[in-house]
Amino acid sequence: MKGPLFYSKILLFGEYGIIRDSKGLSIPYNFYNGALKRDGNTSEEAVKSNGNLRRFVAYLDTLQHEHPNLVTFDLDLLKNDVETGMYFDSSIPQGYGVGSSGALVAAIYDKYAQNKITVLENLTREKLLQLKNIFSQMESFFHGKSSGLDPLNSYLSIPILINSKDNIQATGIPNQSFDGKGAVFLLDSGIVGETAPMVNIFMENLKDKGFRAMLKNQFVKYTDACVENFLGGDMKSLFMNTKKLSKVVLNNFKPMIPEQFHSIWQQGIDSNDYYLKLCGSGGGGYILGFTEDLEKAKISLKEYKLEVVYQF
């Protein structure tokens, strides 16, 4: 048995903001992927993954009993496959903000959910929200609290526009131009980030009135503008707003940015060679970068490995 591939994702805009109803834009990132396998592999990774799946299955069993109207699985088949060594073979780095648990959730739903919503149907807003809700409950096993967007993106493998918590839609993004100078890239922090502690810091900060005002008047405002600029292909405004967003994040989300990156974050803002923002919850993993001139950014960040995600 070898299941279909499920891809990683990148939330271009909206990290933390979508908790407060900002817009968001999530795109599949096909460089990394994962698939369910049952091929007798006894490597350390496969055994560890199988152990994780056992715990996940127990969680899904409970979920199904507590919320029978949400989702039902063929639990007998799932349990049997896990008992006979099934694991999730994935190249998606964990704790890097590119949706490793999301791809696993999508793969399990795809293979074992009964009466599942498929990609081939007319994906109405109701169906997308229903899927997002199912995935949110499933993925909360890994993160404590999940929006459900990572698995949704991985499952559908199409860009998703988040207008608000209850309004999401499949969307198209401007075509890439491989001879363009502008790019979105990933910067490897070399540190594994953990989602739950970062989200806890954010939730704690939300108790502060000043922090809430900053979110509404700056963070959400610039995030929404960036999404509109990107989808509309208005790159001049996109860079202007990304710079503002990068500044706001540096000033207000310091705990989510690994300390050794504070200065290069500032350097990008000062030089205009690139602008950095969080990729996922931060605390490590990847950092997302935007540049109008990829060669310039590569020179400025020559000590780091840049992975290009999208060119324009």
Protein backbone atom coordinates (compact mmCIF):
# COMPACT_ATOMS: atom_id res chain seq x y z
CA MET A 1 0.00 0.00 0.00
CA LYS A 2 1.15 3.47 -0.86
CA GLY A 3 -1.34 6.31 -0.50
CA PRO A 4 -1.54 9.47 -2.66
CA LEU A 5 0.84 12.34 -1.96
CA PHE A 6 -0.24 15.26 0.20
CA TYR A 7 1.74 18.48 -0.03
CA SER A 8 3.02 21.01 2.44
CA LYS A 9 1.53 24.50 2.49
CA ILE A 10 2.61 28.06 3.06
CA LEU A 11 0.41 30.66 4.67
CA LEU A 12 1.66 33.68 2.76
CA PHE A 13 -0.36 36.10 4.88
CA GLY A 14 -2.56 35.78 7.93
CA GLU A 15 -0.51 34.01 10.63
CA TYR A 16 -2.01 35.02 14.01
CA GLY A 17 -4.20 37.57 12.21
CA ILE A 18 -6.75 34.95 11.15
CA ILE A 19 -7.38 34.25 14.85
CA ARG A 20 -8.65 37.86 14.93
CA ASP A 21 -10.51 37.65 11.60
CA SER A 22 -7.90 39.15 9.32
CA LYS A 23 -7.71 37.93 5.74
CA GLY A 24 -5.33 35.10 4.95
CA LEU A 25 -3.87 33.45 1.87
CA SER A 26 -2.58 29.90 1.92
CA ILE A 27 -0.90 28.17 -1.03
CA PRO A 28 0.23 24.56 -1.58
CA TYR A 29 4.00 24.10 -1.62
CA ASN A 30 4.80 21.00 -3.67
CA PHE A 31 8.47 20.86 -2.72
CA TYR A 32 7.58 18.78 0.37
CA ASN A 33 5.05 15.98 0.60
CA GLY A 34 3.98 12.89 2.52
CA ALA A 35 2.07 9.65 1.96
CA LEU A 36 0.69 6.81 4.07
CA LYS A 37 2.66 3.59 3.54
CA ARG A 38 2.55 0.02 4.68
CA ASP A 39 5.62 -1.65 3.24
CA GLY A 40 7.26 -3.39 6.20
CA ASN A 41 9.71 -0.54 6.77
CA THR A 42 11.27 -0.88 10.25
CA SER A 43 13.46 2.24 10.23
CA GLU A 44 13.46 4.43 13.33
CA GLU A 45 11.37 7.09 11.54
CA ALA A 46 8.74 4.58 10.40
CA VAL A 47 8.43 3.03 13.86
CA LYS A 48 8.14 6.47 15.49
CA SER A 49 5.52 7.56 12.95
CA ASN A 50 3.56 4.35 13.53
CA GLY A 51 3.58 5.06 17.29
CA ASN A 52 2.23 8.58 16.63
CA LEU A 53 -0.48 7.12 14.40
CA ARG A 54 -1.56 4.73 17.19
CA ARG A 55 -2.10 7.68 19.54
CA PHE A 56 -3.85 9.63 16.79
CA VAL A 57 -6.22 6.72 16.09
CA ALA A 58 -7.19 6.55 19.78
CA TYR A 59 -7.92 10.29 19.62
CA LEU A 60 -10.04 9.89 16.45
CA ASP A 61 -11.95 7.06 18.10
CA THR A 62 -12.88 9.41 20.97
CA LEU A 63 -13.65 12.26 18.55
CA GLN A 64 -16.05 10.07 16.59
CA HIS A 65 -17.89 9.00 19.77
CA GLU A 66 -18.16 12.56 21.07
CA HIS A 67 -19.07 14.17 17.71
CA PRO A 68 -20.78 11.49 15.60
CA ASN A 69 -22.31 14.14 13.33
CA LEU A 70 -18.96 15.75 12.56
CA VAL A 71 -17.11 12.86 10.94
CA THR A 72 -17.01 9.06 10.98
CA PHE A 73 -14.09 6.86 9.96
CA ASP A 74 -13.67 3.26 9.01
CA LEU A 75 -11.95 2.73 12.34
CA ASP A 76 -11.63 -1.04 11.97
CA LEU A 77 -9.66 -0.68 8.75
CA LEU A 78 -7.62 2.21 10.16
CA LYS A 79 -6.75 0.31 13.35
CA ASN A 80 -5.86 -2.79 11.36
CA ASP A 81 -3.57 -0.82 9.01
CA VAL A 82 -1.81 0.83 11.95
CA GLU A 83 -1.46 -2.53 13.75
CA THR A 84 0.22 -3.93 10.64
CA GLY A 85 2.84 -1.19 10.54
CA MET A 86 1.35 1.72 8.58
CA TYR A 87 3.31 4.98 8.89
CA PHE A 88 3.37 8.43 7.30
CA ASP A 89 6.39 8.77 5.04
CA SER A 90 7.02 12.49 4.81
CA SER A 91 9.68 14.88 3.59
CA ILE A 92 7.84 17.79 5.26
CA PRO A 93 10.01 19.16 8.09
CA GLN A 94 8.22 19.16 11.45
CA GLY A 95 8.01 22.39 13.43
CA TYR A 96 8.87 24.50 10.38
CA GLY A 97 5.52 26.15 9.71
CA VAL A 98 4.86 24.34 6.44
CA GLY A 99 2.09 22.01 7.61
CA SER A 100 3.58 18.61 8.46
CA SER A 101 0.63 17.56 10.65
CA GLY A 102 -1.80 19.07 8.13
CA ALA A 103 -0.64 16.69 5.39
CA LEU A 104 -1.02 13.69 7.73
CA VAL A 105 -4.56 14.76 8.74
CA ALA A 106 -5.48 15.18 5.04
CA ALA A 107 -4.10 11.72 4.19
CA ILE A 108 -6.06 10.01 7.01
CA TYR A 109 -9.31 11.79 6.11
CA ASP A 110 -8.85 10.97 2.42
CA LYS A 111 -8.37 7.25 3.03
CA TYR A 112 -10.58 6.48 6.04
CA ALA A 113 -13.37 9.08 6.34
CA GLN A 114 -16.83 7.84 5.44
CA ASN A 115 -19.12 10.02 3.26
CA LYS A 116 -16.16 12.31 2.70
CA ILE A 117 -16.30 15.56 0.77
CA THR A 118 -14.08 15.17 -2.29
CA VAL A 119 -12.09 17.60 -4.38
CA LEU A 120 -14.18 16.70 -7.43
CA GLU A 121 -17.41 18.11 -6.00
CA ASN A 122 -18.67 21.63 -6.37
CA LEU A 123 -16.85 23.07 -3.35
CA THR A 124 -19.43 25.46 -1.96
CA ARG A 125 -18.57 27.72 0.95
CA GLU A 126 -20.59 25.40 3.23
CA LYS A 127 -18.56 22.37 2.16
CA LEU A 128 -15.27 24.21 2.62
CA LEU A 129 -16.32 25.30 6.11
CA GLN A 130 -17.47 21.80 6.97
CA LEU A 131 -14.09 20.39 5.87
CA LYS A 132 -12.24 23.12 7.76
CA ASN A 133 -14.22 22.30 10.90
CA ILE A 134 -13.52 18.55 10.61
CA PHE A 135 -9.83 19.20 10.02
CA SER A 136 -9.69 21.68 12.89
CA GLN A 137 -10.97 18.99 15.29
CA MET A 138 -8.66 16.34 13.87
CA GLU A 139 -5.52 18.49 13.90
CA SER A 140 -6.09 19.81 17.42
CA PHE A 141 -4.60 16.46 18.52
CA PHE A 142 -1.21 17.83 17.41
CA HIS A 143 -1.44 21.53 18.33
CA GLY A 144 -4.03 21.90 21.07
CA LYS A 145 -5.86 24.46 18.89
CA SER A 146 -5.99 24.35 15.11
CA SER A 147 -7.73 26.48 12.49
CA GLY A 148 -7.97 23.45 10.18
CA LEU A 149 -6.49 25.44 7.31
CA ASP A 150 -3.27 23.45 6.89
CA PRO A 151 -5.03 20.13 6.30
CA LEU A 152 -7.62 21.88 4.10
CA ASN A 153 -4.88 23.27 1.89
CA SER A 154 -3.07 19.97 1.75
CA TYR A 155 -6.26 18.03 1.01
CA LEU A 156 -7.49 20.31 -1.78
CA SER A 157 -4.04 21.33 -3.08
CA ILE A 158 -5.34 24.70 -4.29
CA PRO A 159 -4.77 28.24 -2.97
CA ILE A 160 -7.28 29.23 -0.29
CA LEU A 161 -8.41 32.76 0.47
CA ILE A 162 -9.57 33.33 4.03
CA ASN A 163 -11.89 36.34 4.20
CA SER A 164 -12.86 35.69 7.82
CA LYS A 165 -13.37 32.71 10.13
CA ASP A 166 -16.65 31.78 8.44
CA ASN A 167 -15.86 32.86 4.91
CA ILE A 168 -13.25 30.93 2.95
CA GLN A 169 -12.99 30.24 -0.74
CA ALA A 170 -10.76 28.56 -3.28
CA THR A 171 -8.89 31.18 -5.26
CA GLY A 172 -6.48 31.66 -8.12
CA ILE A 173 -3.15 33.46 -7.70
CA PRO A 174 -1.24 35.39 -10.38
CA ASN A 175 0.88 33.14 -12.59
CA GLN A 176 4.52 32.81 -11.68
CA SER A 177 7.08 34.48 -13.87
CA PHE A 178 10.31 32.51 -13.67
CA ASP A 179 12.36 35.26 -15.26
CA GLY A 180 10.95 37.86 -12.86
CA LYS A 181 13.25 39.50 -10.32
CA GLY A 182 10.71 39.50 -7.47
CA ALA A 183 10.32 36.47 -5.23
CA VAL A 184 8.81 34.98 -2.10
CA PHE A 185 11.36 32.77 -0.36
CA LEU A 186 11.88 30.65 2.73
CA LEU A 187 14.79 31.24 5.08
CA ASP A 188 15.79 28.30 7.29
CA SER A 189 16.25 29.39 10.91
CA GLY A 190 17.84 26.04 11.73
CA ILE A 191 15.65 25.79 14.84
CA VAL A 192 12.57 23.61 15.28
CA GLY A 193 9.60 25.73 16.37
CA GLU A 194 6.75 24.51 18.53
CA THR A 195 3.29 25.83 17.73
CA ALA A 196 1.50 25.50 21.09
CA PRO A 197 3.87 27.68 23.21
CA MET A 198 3.85 30.43 20.56
CA VAL A 199 0.06 30.45 20.31
CA ASN A 200 -0.10 30.57 24.13
CA ILE A 201 2.12 33.70 24.17
CA PHE A 202 -0.14 35.29 21.57
CA MET A 203 -3.31 34.45 23.53
CA GLU A 204 -1.72 35.86 26.68
CA ASN A 205 -0.80 39.09 24.81
CA LEU A 206 -4.42 39.43 23.65
CA LYS A 207 -5.40 40.24 27.24
CA ASP A 208 -3.53 43.52 26.81
CA LYS A 209 -5.65 46.36 25.44
CA GLY A 210 -2.72 48.03 23.66
CA PHE A 211 -1.76 44.76 21.92
CA ARG A 212 -5.35 44.30 20.72
CA ALA A 213 -5.42 47.85 19.35
CA MET A 214 -2.11 47.27 17.51
CA LEU A 215 -3.52 44.09 15.97
CA LYS A 216 -6.66 45.78 14.71
CA ASN A 217 -5.16 49.10 13.55
CA GLN A 218 -1.88 47.84 12.13
CA PHE A 219 -1.36 44.09 11.90
CA VAL A 220 -4.77 43.12 10.48
CA LYS A 221 -4.93 46.25 8.32
CA TYR A 222 -1.57 45.56 6.62
CA THR A 223 -2.25 41.82 6.36
CA ASP A 224 -5.55 42.46 4.55
CA ALA A 225 -3.87 44.97 2.23
CA CYS A 226 -1.08 42.48 1.40
CA VAL A 227 -3.60 39.76 0.49
CA GLU A 228 -5.51 42.15 -1.78
CA ASN A 229 -2.29 43.47 -3.38
CA PHE A 230 -0.94 39.96 -4.02
CA LEU A 231 -4.17 38.61 -5.54
CA GLY A 232 -4.59 41.75 -7.61
CA GLY A 233 -1.00 41.58 -8.88
CA ASP A 234 -0.23 45.06 -7.49
CA MET A 235 3.39 44.35 -6.56
CA LYS A 236 4.34 47.96 -5.85
CA SER A 237 1.70 48.26 -3.11
CA LEU A 238 2.45 44.71 -1.96
CA PHE A 239 6.04 45.59 -1.06
CA MET A 240 5.00 48.83 0.60
CA ASN A 241 2.53 46.97 2.84
CA THR A 242 4.84 44.00 3.44
CA LYS A 243 7.46 46.42 4.75
CA LYS A 244 4.91 47.90 7.18
CA LEU A 245 3.86 44.41 8.24
CA SER A 246 7.48 43.34 8.74
CA LYS A 247 8.06 46.34 11.05
CA VAL A 248 4.91 45.64 13.09
CA VAL A 249 5.92 42.00 13.55
CA LEU A 250 9.46 42.90 14.63
CA ASN A 251 8.14 45.41 17.17
CA ASN A 252 5.29 43.32 18.58
CA PHE A 253 6.04 39.64 17.99
CA LYS A 254 9.65 39.46 19.19
CA PRO A 255 9.22 36.18 21.16
CA MET A 256 8.13 34.48 17.90
CA ILE A 257 11.31 35.56 16.08
CA PRO A 258 14.48 33.63 17.03
CA GLU A 259 16.82 36.14 18.65
CA GLN A 260 19.67 35.75 16.16
CA PHE A 261 17.29 36.90 13.40
CA HIS A 262 16.24 40.21 15.00
CA SER A 263 19.14 42.10 13.38
CA ILE A 264 18.77 40.65 9.86
CA TRP A 265 15.03 41.32 10.11
CA GLN A 266 15.82 44.99 10.80
CA GLN A 267 18.52 45.01 8.13
CA GLY A 268 15.94 44.05 5.49
CA ILE A 269 13.66 46.91 6.54
CA ASP A 270 16.54 49.42 6.51
CA SER A 271 18.07 48.33 3.19
CA ASN A 272 14.80 47.46 1.36
CA ASP A 273 16.65 44.42 -0.07
CA TYR A 274 14.03 42.08 1.43
CA TYR A 275 11.28 42.03 4.07
CA LEU A 276 10.80 39.16 6.49
CA LYS A 277 7.66 37.87 8.14
CA LEU A 278 6.61 34.88 10.20
CA CYS A 279 5.90 31.58 8.48
CA GLY A 280 3.33 29.80 10.63
CA SER A 281 3.53 30.39 14.36
CA GLY A 282 7.25 31.25 14.42
CA GLY A 283 9.63 30.41 17.26
CA GLY A 284 11.89 28.70 14.72
CA GLY A 285 11.32 26.77 11.53
CA TYR A 286 11.12 28.83 8.37
CA ILE A 287 10.94 32.59 8.08
CA LEU A 288 9.15 33.94 5.02
CA GLY A 289 10.86 36.58 2.88
CA PHE A 290 9.66 38.93 0.15
CA THR A 291 12.02 40.69 -2.23
CA GLU A 292 11.76 42.84 -5.35
CA ASP A 293 15.24 41.70 -6.40
CA LEU A 294 16.10 38.09 -5.63
CA GLU A 295 19.80 38.44 -6.52
CA LYS A 296 20.15 41.40 -4.15
CA ALA A 297 18.44 39.46 -1.36
CA LYS A 298 20.72 36.47 -1.94
CA ILE A 299 23.80 38.69 -1.57
CA SER A 300 22.42 40.34 1.60
CA LEU A 301 21.56 36.95 3.08
CA LYS A 302 24.54 35.05 1.69
CA GLU A 303 25.08 33.18 4.96
CA TYR A 304 21.64 31.58 4.70
CA LYS A 305 20.01 29.08 2.40
CA LEU A 306 17.10 30.62 0.52
CA GLU A 307 14.36 28.41 -0.95
CA VAL A 308 12.33 30.21 -3.60
CA VAL A 309 8.59 29.56 -3.26
CA TYR A 310 7.15 31.88 -5.89
CA GLN A 311 8.61 34.23 -8.51
CA PHE A 312 7.10 37.28 -10.18
